[in-house]
Amino acid sequence: MPGINEDELVKFGQNIWEVPFAKIMGDLENSALTKFYAGYGSSPDSTLIYEEDGYTKYLPKKFPKLDYIDRCYVVEEAGIDALSEGEF
C-alpha cells in the first residue's frame, strides 16, 4: 500500500474494516489507488456513518474529500480473461 510503513502493514487486516477486497495488478504507483485521498486517517465515526443519512449528510459534510468506489468487477464472473490498461 502506498505511503504505509512496514510496521503498520504488519498490523493490516486485524480489524474488520481493513479486510482487503481487491488486487491491484500491474504498476501500483500508476494505479487509481494512488489517487485516493488519505488525509483523514481513521477519523470517521462508524456509528454516525450507519445512522440514517450517515452516507448522505455526515460523510459529505465532515469528510468532503472522501473517495468512494462507484463500482467494481469480479473479472472471472464478468467473463473477462485479460484486461487491457484503461479498459474499465
N, C-alpha and C. Protein backbone atom coordinates (compact mmCIF):
# COMPACT_ATOMS: atom_id res chain seq x y z
N MET A 1 0.84 -1.17 0.00
CA MET A 1 0.00 0.00 0.00
C MET A 1 0.89 1.24 0.00
N PRO A 2 0.57 2.19 -0.85
CA PRO A 2 1.39 3.40 -0.92
C PRO A 2 1.35 4.19 0.38
N GLY A 3 2.48 4.68 0.82
CA GLY A 3 2.55 5.53 2.00
C GLY A 3 2.44 4.81 3.33
N ILE A 4 2.45 3.49 3.35
CA ILE A 4 2.34 2.73 4.59
C ILE A 4 3.72 2.15 4.91
N ASN A 5 4.17 2.35 6.16
CA ASN A 5 5.46 1.77 6.52
C ASN A 5 5.27 0.31 6.92
N GLU A 6 6.36 -0.42 6.97
CA GLU A 6 6.30 -1.87 7.24
C GLU A 6 5.67 -2.21 8.59
N ASP A 7 5.92 -1.38 9.63
CA ASP A 7 5.35 -1.65 10.95
C ASP A 7 3.82 -1.59 10.92
N GLU A 8 3.26 -0.64 10.17
CA GLU A 8 1.81 -0.53 10.06
C GLU A 8 1.24 -1.63 9.18
N LEU A 9 1.96 -1.99 8.14
CA LEU A 9 1.49 -3.00 7.20
C LEU A 9 1.35 -4.37 7.86
N VAL A 10 2.22 -4.68 8.81
CA VAL A 10 2.16 -5.96 9.52
C VAL A 10 0.83 -6.09 10.27
N LYS A 11 0.31 -4.98 10.78
CA LYS A 11 -0.94 -4.99 11.54
C LYS A 11 -2.17 -4.95 10.65
N PHE A 12 -1.99 -4.70 9.36
CA PHE A 12 -3.11 -4.55 8.45
C PHE A 12 -3.94 -5.83 8.39
N GLY A 13 -5.27 -5.67 8.42
CA GLY A 13 -6.18 -6.80 8.31
C GLY A 13 -6.65 -7.35 9.64
N GLN A 14 -6.21 -6.74 10.74
CA GLN A 14 -6.62 -7.23 12.05
C GLN A 14 -7.98 -6.69 12.48
N ASN A 15 -8.43 -5.61 11.84
CA ASN A 15 -9.75 -5.05 12.13
C ASN A 15 -10.68 -5.38 10.98
N ILE A 16 -11.98 -5.54 11.28
CA ILE A 16 -12.92 -5.96 10.25
C ILE A 16 -13.04 -4.96 9.10
N TRP A 17 -12.75 -3.69 9.35
CA TRP A 17 -12.86 -2.70 8.27
C TRP A 17 -11.59 -2.63 7.42
N GLU A 18 -10.61 -3.43 7.70
CA GLU A 18 -9.35 -3.42 6.97
C GLU A 18 -9.15 -4.66 6.10
N VAL A 19 -10.19 -5.37 5.83
CA VAL A 19 -10.06 -6.60 5.05
C VAL A 19 -9.86 -6.25 3.58
N PRO A 20 -8.80 -6.76 2.96
CA PRO A 20 -8.58 -6.48 1.53
C PRO A 20 -9.74 -7.02 0.70
N PHE A 21 -10.12 -6.28 -0.34
CA PHE A 21 -11.23 -6.69 -1.19
C PHE A 21 -10.85 -6.71 -2.66
N ALA A 22 -9.63 -6.37 -2.97
CA ALA A 22 -9.23 -6.30 -4.38
C ALA A 22 -7.73 -6.52 -4.50
N LYS A 23 -7.30 -6.75 -5.71
CA LYS A 23 -5.89 -6.91 -6.00
C LYS A 23 -5.54 -5.96 -7.15
N ILE A 24 -4.54 -5.15 -6.92
CA ILE A 24 -4.09 -4.23 -7.97
C ILE A 24 -3.07 -4.98 -8.82
N MET A 25 -3.35 -5.07 -10.08
CA MET A 25 -2.44 -5.77 -10.99
C MET A 25 -1.68 -4.73 -11.80
N GLY A 26 -0.43 -4.97 -12.00
CA GLY A 26 0.38 -4.03 -12.78
C GLY A 26 1.10 -3.05 -11.87
N ASP A 27 1.33 -1.88 -12.38
CA ASP A 27 2.12 -0.86 -11.71
C ASP A 27 1.29 -0.14 -10.65
N LEU A 28 1.54 -0.43 -9.38
CA LEU A 28 0.80 0.16 -8.28
C LEU A 28 0.95 1.67 -8.25
N GLU A 29 2.14 2.18 -8.52
CA GLU A 29 2.38 3.62 -8.44
C GLU A 29 1.59 4.41 -9.48
N ASN A 30 1.14 3.78 -10.54
CA ASN A 30 0.35 4.45 -11.56
C ASN A 30 -1.12 4.00 -11.56
N SER A 31 -1.53 3.33 -10.49
CA SER A 31 -2.90 2.83 -10.41
C SER A 31 -3.82 3.89 -9.81
N ALA A 32 -5.12 3.66 -9.91
CA ALA A 32 -6.11 4.57 -9.33
C ALA A 32 -5.99 4.64 -7.81
N LEU A 33 -5.43 3.62 -7.20
CA LEU A 33 -5.28 3.59 -5.75
C LEU A 33 -4.48 4.78 -5.23
N THR A 34 -3.52 5.24 -5.98
CA THR A 34 -2.69 6.37 -5.54
C THR A 34 -3.46 7.69 -5.58
N LYS A 35 -4.63 7.70 -6.20
CA LYS A 35 -5.43 8.92 -6.30
C LYS A 35 -6.39 9.08 -5.11
N PHE A 36 -6.55 8.04 -4.28
CA PHE A 36 -7.44 8.12 -3.13
C PHE A 36 -6.91 9.15 -2.14
N TYR A 37 -7.80 9.94 -1.58
CA TYR A 37 -7.40 10.91 -0.56
C TYR A 37 -7.19 10.16 0.75
N ALA A 38 -6.03 10.33 1.37
CA ALA A 38 -5.70 9.60 2.58
C ALA A 38 -5.47 10.52 3.77
N GLY A 39 -5.88 11.75 3.67
CA GLY A 39 -5.61 12.74 4.71
C GLY A 39 -6.44 12.62 5.97
N TYR A 40 -7.51 11.85 5.95
CA TYR A 40 -8.36 11.75 7.13
C TYR A 40 -7.91 10.68 8.13
N GLY A 41 -7.10 9.76 7.71
CA GLY A 41 -6.69 8.68 8.61
C GLY A 41 -7.89 7.81 8.95
N SER A 42 -8.09 7.53 10.21
CA SER A 42 -9.21 6.66 10.61
C SER A 42 -10.22 7.44 11.44
N SER A 43 -10.46 8.69 11.13
CA SER A 43 -11.28 9.54 11.99
C SER A 43 -12.80 9.44 11.82
N PRO A 44 -13.38 8.95 10.72
CA PRO A 44 -14.85 8.89 10.67
C PRO A 44 -15.42 8.00 11.78
N ASP A 45 -16.51 8.42 12.36
CA ASP A 45 -17.18 7.68 13.42
C ASP A 45 -18.14 6.68 12.77
N SER A 46 -17.84 5.41 12.88
CA SER A 46 -18.65 4.39 12.19
C SER A 46 -20.10 4.37 12.69
N THR A 47 -20.35 4.73 13.94
CA THR A 47 -21.73 4.75 14.42
C THR A 47 -22.54 5.83 13.71
N LEU A 48 -21.89 6.96 13.38
CA LEU A 48 -22.59 8.03 12.67
C LEU A 48 -22.78 7.70 11.19
N ILE A 49 -21.86 6.93 10.64
CA ILE A 49 -21.98 6.54 9.24
C ILE A 49 -23.23 5.69 9.04
N TYR A 50 -23.48 4.77 9.96
CA TYR A 50 -24.60 3.83 9.81
C TYR A 50 -25.93 4.38 10.29
N GLU A 51 -25.94 5.58 10.85
CA GLU A 51 -27.21 6.19 11.22
C GLU A 51 -27.92 6.67 9.95
N GLU A 52 -29.21 6.95 10.08
CA GLU A 52 -29.97 7.46 8.93
C GLU A 52 -29.30 8.73 8.41
N ASP A 53 -29.10 8.81 7.12
CA ASP A 53 -28.45 9.93 6.45
C ASP A 53 -26.94 10.02 6.71
N GLY A 54 -26.37 8.97 7.27
CA GLY A 54 -24.93 8.98 7.53
C GLY A 54 -24.11 9.10 6.26
N TYR A 55 -24.54 8.37 5.22
CA TYR A 55 -23.83 8.41 3.95
C TYR A 55 -24.12 9.67 3.16
N THR A 56 -25.30 10.22 3.33
CA THR A 56 -25.69 11.37 2.52
C THR A 56 -25.44 12.71 3.19
N LYS A 57 -25.34 12.73 4.52
CA LYS A 57 -25.13 14.00 5.22
C LYS A 57 -23.84 14.03 6.04
N TYR A 58 -23.65 13.04 6.91
CA TYR A 58 -22.48 13.05 7.80
C TYR A 58 -21.17 13.00 7.02
N LEU A 59 -21.01 12.00 6.17
CA LEU A 59 -19.74 11.86 5.45
C LEU A 59 -19.44 13.04 4.52
N PRO A 60 -20.37 13.47 3.67
CA PRO A 60 -20.05 14.61 2.79
C PRO A 60 -19.75 15.90 3.55
N LYS A 61 -20.41 16.11 4.70
CA LYS A 61 -20.18 17.35 5.45
C LYS A 61 -18.85 17.33 6.19
N LYS A 62 -18.56 16.22 6.88
CA LYS A 62 -17.35 16.13 7.69
C LYS A 62 -16.11 15.71 6.91
N PHE A 63 -16.31 15.02 5.79
CA PHE A 63 -15.20 14.49 5.00
C PHE A 63 -15.42 14.75 3.52
N PRO A 64 -15.39 16.02 3.11
CA PRO A 64 -15.71 16.36 1.73
C PRO A 64 -14.74 15.80 0.69
N LYS A 65 -13.54 15.42 1.09
CA LYS A 65 -12.56 14.87 0.13
C LYS A 65 -12.57 13.34 0.11
N LEU A 66 -13.47 12.73 0.85
CA LEU A 66 -13.54 11.27 0.93
C LEU A 66 -13.85 10.68 -0.45
N ASP A 67 -13.10 9.66 -0.82
CA ASP A 67 -13.32 8.97 -2.10
C ASP A 67 -14.26 7.79 -1.89
N TYR A 68 -15.00 7.47 -2.94
CA TYR A 68 -15.94 6.36 -2.91
C TYR A 68 -15.67 5.43 -4.09
N ILE A 69 -15.95 4.17 -3.91
CA ILE A 69 -15.88 3.22 -5.01
C ILE A 69 -17.27 3.13 -5.60
N ASP A 70 -17.40 3.54 -6.83
CA ASP A 70 -18.70 3.59 -7.50
C ASP A 70 -19.11 2.21 -8.01
N ARG A 71 -18.15 1.44 -8.49
CA ARG A 71 -18.44 0.09 -8.99
C ARG A 71 -17.13 -0.70 -9.04
N CYS A 72 -17.29 -1.99 -9.07
CA CYS A 72 -16.14 -2.87 -9.23
C CYS A 72 -16.61 -4.11 -9.98
N TYR A 73 -15.68 -4.86 -10.49
CA TYR A 73 -16.00 -6.06 -11.28
C TYR A 73 -15.20 -7.24 -10.75
N VAL A 74 -15.84 -8.38 -10.67
CA VAL A 74 -15.15 -9.63 -10.40
C VAL A 74 -14.82 -10.18 -11.78
N VAL A 75 -13.56 -10.14 -12.14
CA VAL A 75 -13.14 -10.43 -13.50
C VAL A 75 -13.61 -11.81 -13.96
N GLU A 76 -13.44 -12.83 -13.13
CA GLU A 76 -13.84 -14.17 -13.53
C GLU A 76 -15.35 -14.25 -13.77
N GLU A 77 -16.14 -13.57 -12.94
CA GLU A 77 -17.59 -13.61 -13.09
C GLU A 77 -18.06 -12.80 -14.29
N ALA A 78 -17.30 -11.80 -14.69
CA ALA A 78 -17.67 -10.98 -15.84
C ALA A 78 -17.26 -11.65 -17.14
N GLY A 79 -16.53 -12.76 -17.05
CA GLY A 79 -16.11 -13.49 -18.25
C GLY A 79 -14.98 -12.81 -18.99
N ILE A 80 -14.15 -12.10 -18.25
CA ILE A 80 -13.03 -11.38 -18.87
C ILE A 80 -11.74 -12.08 -18.45
N ASP A 81 -10.98 -12.56 -19.41
CA ASP A 81 -9.74 -13.25 -19.10
C ASP A 81 -8.58 -12.28 -18.87
N ALA A 82 -8.45 -11.27 -19.68
CA ALA A 82 -7.35 -10.34 -19.57
C ALA A 82 -7.87 -8.93 -19.84
N LEU A 83 -7.47 -8.00 -19.01
CA LEU A 83 -7.90 -6.63 -19.18
C LEU A 83 -6.77 -5.80 -19.79
N SER A 84 -7.13 -4.98 -20.74
CA SER A 84 -6.12 -4.05 -21.25
C SER A 84 -6.18 -2.79 -20.39
N GLU A 85 -5.09 -2.09 -20.30
CA GLU A 85 -5.00 -0.91 -19.45
C GLU A 85 -6.05 0.11 -19.87
N GLY A 86 -6.78 0.61 -18.90
CA GLY A 86 -7.80 1.62 -19.15
C GLY A 86 -9.11 1.08 -19.69
N GLU A 87 -9.26 -0.22 -19.77
CA GLU A 87 -10.47 -0.81 -20.35
C GLU A 87 -11.69 -0.53 -19.49
N PHE A 88 -11.50 -0.53 -18.17
CA PHE A 88 -12.61 -0.25 -17.28
C PHE A 88 -12.38 1.09 -16.66
